Amino acid sequence: MDAATSLQTPTGGNPESDWEQGYGYLFWRFRHGCYGGAGLLGQFCIVMPQFDAVLSITAGSWSGPSVLDLVWDRIVPAFSHSPLPSNLESNHGLTQKLMSLTLKMPAGETTSPTAAKIAGRRYVFAENPQRIESVEFGPQGEGANATIRVKIAGKEQRLVCGKGTWLKGTLEADCGGLVPMTGYLGADFGEPIPIAVSGAWSSGDTYTVTLCRYRTAFSSTYDMRVSGNELILERDHAGAESTSWARLIGTA
């Protein structure tokens, strides 16, 4: 462990950068005498030998350095070299906070006059790199969740979008145009991909869907704007892709 966490490969000379403290054998060396592992989108395992502590972080952030800055600014100064006294009130507050955390859902209305107009309508897309062939909106009854069928590479995927809530479901593994990075965490073995989906009418003519791969750091938000006989599809992706996702236009 001493060799694995010692400087084996220089990565720069800036003492204020966690990424320039050097690399060991499969371990990053961080500031403040810490070391550990770093993954996509703010996944960290930080070992703090001076405090006999290990901090694990799951995140979905493009800004990994800012995540580490919070550790050094807030968490490290709170450590002590001797045990802290018990604080049941603080512990209860932390437990309640953790139980109340939720991922942000799309903001907007649960329905729109446009919903009835497009029910059962299928929008067909020209050939595109995402391999999305068509999008069809199912009929939405009063108080019912929205159902969207997306045909990708010849296969139809069905999304049930929660209204003001998350609905869990699965997608087939071969859905790279809809959910990026499907080669991670089992999808490359042909296993269904666990997802949670929520949707809302962010404006009178735009339905917004957030699709979250809740066992990973990846999520995607889709804006589907209805304009005459066209459906304009755009995506904001929190994930590991560096290239932009082109806007797609489908025709009814």
Protein backbone atom coordinates (compact mmCIF):
# COMPACT_ATOMS: atom_id res chain seq x y z
CA MET A 1 0.00 0.00 0.00
CA ASP A 2 2.88 2.38 0.69
CA ALA A 3 4.20 1.84 -2.82
CA ALA A 4 0.77 1.95 -4.45
CA THR A 5 -0.07 5.28 -2.84
CA SER A 6 3.34 6.87 -3.29
CA LEU A 7 4.31 9.09 -6.20
CA GLN A 8 5.06 6.84 -9.16
CA THR A 9 4.05 9.10 -12.06
CA PRO A 10 4.24 12.92 -11.93
CA THR A 11 1.07 14.66 -13.10
CA GLY A 12 2.08 18.31 -12.68
CA GLY A 13 3.43 20.73 -10.12
CA ASN A 14 0.50 22.85 -8.96
CA PRO A 15 0.12 22.35 -5.19
CA GLU A 16 -3.48 23.66 -5.34
CA SER A 17 -4.66 21.05 -7.84
CA ASP A 18 -5.73 17.57 -6.76
CA TRP A 19 -4.88 16.27 -10.23
CA GLU A 20 -1.25 17.40 -10.00
CA GLN A 21 -0.27 15.57 -6.82
CA GLY A 22 0.93 12.55 -8.76
CA TYR A 23 -0.30 9.05 -9.47
CA GLY A 24 0.63 5.82 -7.70
CA TYR A 25 -0.29 2.29 -8.74
CA LEU A 26 -3.99 2.69 -9.65
CA PHE A 27 -4.39 5.35 -6.93
CA TRP A 28 -4.63 9.10 -7.31
CA ARG A 29 -2.76 11.19 -4.77
CA PHE A 30 -4.89 14.06 -3.49
CA ARG A 31 -4.10 17.11 -1.43
CA HIS A 32 -3.92 17.06 2.38
CA GLY A 33 -2.13 13.71 2.47
CA CYS A 34 -5.09 11.80 1.05
CA TYR A 35 -5.32 9.30 -1.77
CA GLY A 36 -7.97 7.22 -3.49
CA GLY A 37 -9.96 6.54 -6.64
CA ALA A 38 -11.77 8.90 -8.97
CA GLY A 39 -14.50 7.93 -11.41
CA LEU A 40 -16.88 9.53 -13.85
CA LEU A 41 -18.94 12.55 -12.79
CA GLY A 42 -17.70 12.96 -9.26
CA GLN A 43 -17.45 9.36 -8.06
CA PHE A 44 -14.77 9.30 -5.38
CA CYS A 45 -13.26 7.04 -2.77
CA ILE A 46 -11.03 9.21 -0.59
CA VAL A 47 -8.76 7.61 2.00
CA MET A 48 -7.71 9.90 4.87
CA PRO A 49 -5.07 7.93 6.76
CA GLN A 50 -4.40 10.71 9.27
CA PHE A 51 -8.02 10.44 10.48
CA ASP A 52 -8.45 6.68 10.02
CA ALA A 53 -11.35 7.48 7.70
CA VAL A 54 -12.62 6.72 4.22
CA LEU A 55 -15.09 8.97 2.40
CA SER A 56 -17.16 7.64 -0.50
CA ILE A 57 -19.04 10.01 -2.79
CA THR A 58 -21.60 9.27 -5.50
CA ALA A 59 -22.48 12.20 -7.72
CA GLY A 60 -23.62 13.28 -11.17
CA SER A 61 -21.57 16.42 -11.60
CA TRP A 62 -19.38 17.62 -14.45
CA SER A 63 -17.27 19.52 -11.90
CA GLY A 64 -15.20 16.92 -10.07
CA PRO A 65 -12.71 19.47 -8.70
CA SER A 66 -15.48 21.43 -6.99
CA VAL A 67 -16.67 18.24 -5.28
CA LEU A 68 -13.20 17.72 -3.85
CA ASP A 69 -12.99 21.38 -2.82
CA LEU A 70 -16.05 20.84 -0.64
CA VAL A 71 -14.30 17.93 1.05
CA TRP A 72 -11.24 20.00 1.89
CA ASP A 73 -13.23 23.11 2.87
CA ARG A 74 -15.97 21.49 4.94
CA ILE A 75 -15.27 17.90 5.90
CA VAL A 76 -11.54 17.75 6.64
CA PRO A 77 -11.64 20.73 9.08
CA ALA A 78 -14.47 19.00 10.97
CA PHE A 79 -12.31 15.98 11.81
CA SER A 80 -10.58 15.65 15.14
CA HIS A 81 -7.70 13.42 16.23
CA SER A 82 -9.78 12.33 19.21
CA PRO A 83 -13.36 11.00 19.23
CA LEU A 84 -16.10 13.62 19.15
CA PRO A 85 -18.78 13.54 21.85
CA SER A 86 -22.10 11.93 20.96
CA ASN A 87 -24.66 14.31 19.46
CA LEU A 88 -28.00 12.57 19.07
CA GLU A 89 -29.78 15.70 17.85
CA SER A 90 -27.34 16.26 14.98
CA ASN A 91 -27.41 12.58 14.10
CA HIS A 92 -31.21 12.65 13.95
CA GLY A 93 -31.11 15.75 11.74
CA LEU A 94 -28.66 14.09 9.36
CA THR A 95 -30.81 10.94 9.17
CA GLN A 96 -33.92 12.96 8.36
CA LYS A 97 -32.05 14.95 5.71
CA LEU A 98 -30.77 11.80 3.99
CA MET A 99 -34.26 10.27 4.00
CA SER A 100 -35.75 13.37 2.36
CA LEU A 101 -33.27 13.72 -0.51
CA THR A 102 -34.68 13.27 -4.00
CA LEU A 103 -33.53 13.85 -7.54
CA LYS A 104 -34.97 16.94 -9.20
CA MET A 105 -37.94 16.20 -11.44
CA PRO A 106 -39.03 18.24 -14.47
CA ALA A 107 -40.97 21.34 -13.44
CA GLY A 108 -44.28 22.17 -15.08
CA GLU A 109 -47.92 21.20 -15.40
CA THR A 110 -49.29 17.67 -15.32
CA THR A 111 -51.28 18.22 -18.51
CA SER A 112 -51.74 20.58 -21.46
CA PRO A 113 -54.30 21.04 -24.25
CA THR A 114 -51.55 19.81 -26.57
CA ALA A 115 -51.59 16.40 -24.87
CA ALA A 116 -55.00 15.53 -26.30
CA LYS A 117 -54.04 16.79 -29.77
CA ILE A 118 -50.98 14.55 -30.07
CA ALA A 119 -52.40 11.43 -28.39
CA GLY A 120 -51.83 8.48 -30.71
CA ARG A 121 -49.73 10.54 -33.10
CA ARG A 122 -46.46 9.08 -34.31
CA TYR A 123 -43.56 11.31 -35.30
CA VAL A 124 -41.05 9.79 -37.72
CA PHE A 125 -37.41 10.91 -37.85
CA ALA A 126 -34.96 10.83 -40.73
CA GLU A 127 -31.91 8.61 -40.29
CA ASN A 128 -29.75 9.95 -37.47
CA PRO A 129 -26.70 8.89 -35.40
CA GLN A 130 -28.92 8.23 -32.37
CA ARG A 131 -30.90 5.67 -34.43
CA ILE A 132 -34.18 7.09 -33.14
CA GLU A 133 -36.81 6.19 -35.74
CA SER A 134 -40.06 7.40 -34.21
CA VAL A 135 -41.76 8.79 -31.10
CA GLU A 136 -45.42 8.14 -30.32
CA PHE A 137 -47.51 9.63 -27.52
CA GLY A 138 -50.10 7.38 -25.95
CA PRO A 139 -53.53 8.65 -24.86
CA GLN A 140 -53.39 10.28 -21.42
CA GLY A 141 -56.48 9.93 -19.25
CA GLU A 142 -57.35 12.18 -16.35
CA GLY A 143 -54.77 11.64 -13.62
CA ALA A 144 -52.93 9.01 -15.69
CA ASN A 145 -49.21 8.95 -16.30
CA ALA A 146 -47.94 9.78 -19.78
CA THR A 147 -46.80 6.91 -21.98
CA ILE A 148 -44.31 7.45 -24.79
CA ARG A 149 -43.15 4.81 -27.26
CA VAL A 150 -39.76 5.34 -28.82
CA LYS A 151 -38.55 3.15 -31.68
CA ILE A 152 -34.76 2.82 -31.75
CA ALA A 153 -32.83 0.67 -34.21
CA GLY A 154 -35.96 -1.33 -34.99
CA LYS A 155 -36.91 -1.93 -31.37
CA GLU A 156 -39.70 -0.21 -29.50
CA GLN A 157 -39.01 1.12 -26.01
CA ARG A 158 -41.90 2.12 -23.75
CA LEU A 159 -41.50 4.97 -21.28
CA VAL A 160 -44.09 5.57 -18.54
CA CYS A 161 -43.46 9.05 -17.16
CA GLY A 162 -44.46 9.78 -13.58
CA LYS A 163 -46.52 12.90 -12.88
CA GLY A 164 -44.80 14.67 -10.00
CA THR A 165 -43.05 11.45 -9.07
CA TRP A 166 -40.49 8.95 -10.34
CA LEU A 167 -41.69 5.74 -11.95
CA LYS A 168 -39.22 2.89 -12.14
CA GLY A 169 -38.94 0.63 -15.15
CA THR A 170 -36.40 -0.88 -17.52
CA LEU A 171 -35.07 -0.36 -21.02
CA GLU A 172 -33.60 -2.93 -23.32
CA ALA A 173 -29.82 -2.80 -23.45
CA ASP A 174 -29.70 -1.78 -27.12
CA CYS A 175 -31.00 1.76 -26.61
CA GLY A 176 -27.82 3.81 -27.01
CA GLY A 177 -29.64 6.58 -28.86
CA LEU A 178 -31.92 7.11 -25.88
CA VAL A 179 -29.62 6.43 -22.94
CA PRO A 180 -25.88 7.05 -23.50
CA MET A 181 -23.08 4.96 -22.03
CA THR A 182 -25.04 1.70 -22.25
CA GLY A 183 -21.75 -0.18 -22.26
CA TYR A 184 -21.43 0.37 -18.52
CA LEU A 185 -22.73 -1.64 -15.57
CA GLY A 186 -24.22 -4.68 -17.21
CA ALA A 187 -25.80 -3.19 -20.32
CA ASP A 188 -23.02 -4.64 -22.44
CA PHE A 189 -24.14 -8.11 -21.29
CA GLY A 190 -27.60 -7.59 -22.75
CA GLU A 191 -29.28 -7.04 -19.40
CA PRO A 192 -32.23 -4.64 -19.04
CA ILE A 193 -31.26 -1.16 -17.85
CA PRO A 194 -33.04 0.00 -14.66
CA ILE A 195 -34.45 3.50 -15.11
CA ALA A 196 -36.70 5.98 -13.34
CA VAL A 197 -38.73 8.44 -15.43
CA SER A 198 -40.60 11.65 -14.62
CA GLY A 199 -42.30 14.11 -16.97
CA ALA A 200 -44.16 17.42 -17.05
CA TRP A 201 -45.41 20.02 -19.52
CA SER A 202 -42.75 22.69 -19.12
CA SER A 203 -44.78 24.92 -21.45
CA GLY A 204 -48.02 24.63 -23.39
CA ASP A 205 -46.33 22.99 -26.38
CA THR A 206 -43.32 21.27 -24.75
CA TYR A 207 -43.26 18.03 -22.79
CA THR A 208 -40.08 17.50 -20.77
CA VAL A 209 -38.93 14.05 -19.69
CA THR A 210 -36.06 13.21 -17.36
CA LEU A 211 -34.78 9.65 -17.67
CA CYS A 212 -32.48 8.60 -14.85
CA ARG A 213 -30.32 5.48 -14.74
CA TYR A 214 -30.57 5.45 -10.97
CA ARG A 215 -27.86 2.84 -10.42
CA THR A 216 -25.38 5.07 -12.22
CA ALA A 217 -24.47 8.76 -12.45
CA PHE A 218 -26.12 9.11 -15.84
CA SER A 219 -29.38 10.88 -16.60
CA SER A 220 -30.88 12.63 -19.61
CA THR A 221 -33.53 15.31 -19.94
CA TYR A 222 -35.49 15.54 -23.19
CA ASP A 223 -37.52 18.52 -24.39
CA MET A 224 -40.16 17.50 -26.93
CA ARG A 225 -41.73 20.57 -28.50
CA VAL A 226 -44.74 20.28 -30.77
CA SER A 227 -44.78 22.72 -33.69
CA GLY A 228 -47.48 22.09 -36.27
CA ASN A 229 -46.84 18.63 -37.71
CA GLU A 230 -43.33 18.49 -36.28
CA LEU A 231 -41.82 17.27 -33.03
CA ILE A 232 -38.54 18.96 -32.11
CA LEU A 233 -36.48 16.74 -29.83
CA GLU A 234 -33.53 18.06 -27.83
CA ARG A 235 -31.55 16.54 -24.98
CA ASP A 236 -29.53 17.78 -22.03
CA HIS A 237 -27.32 14.93 -20.86
CA ALA A 238 -25.55 14.52 -17.54
CA GLY A 239 -23.03 11.86 -18.39
CA ALA A 240 -19.70 11.10 -19.91
CA GLU A 241 -20.29 12.18 -23.49
CA SER A 242 -18.21 15.12 -24.63
CA THR A 243 -19.96 15.62 -27.97
CA SER A 244 -23.23 17.47 -28.30
CA TRP A 245 -26.41 15.62 -29.16
CA ALA A 246 -27.89 17.02 -32.35
CA ARG A 247 -31.46 18.35 -32.33
CA LEU A 248 -33.82 15.97 -34.09
CA ILE A 249 -37.01 16.94 -35.94
CA GLY A 250 -39.73 14.36 -36.52
CA THR A 251 -42.74 14.65 -38.82
CA ALA A 252 -46.22 13.39 -37.90
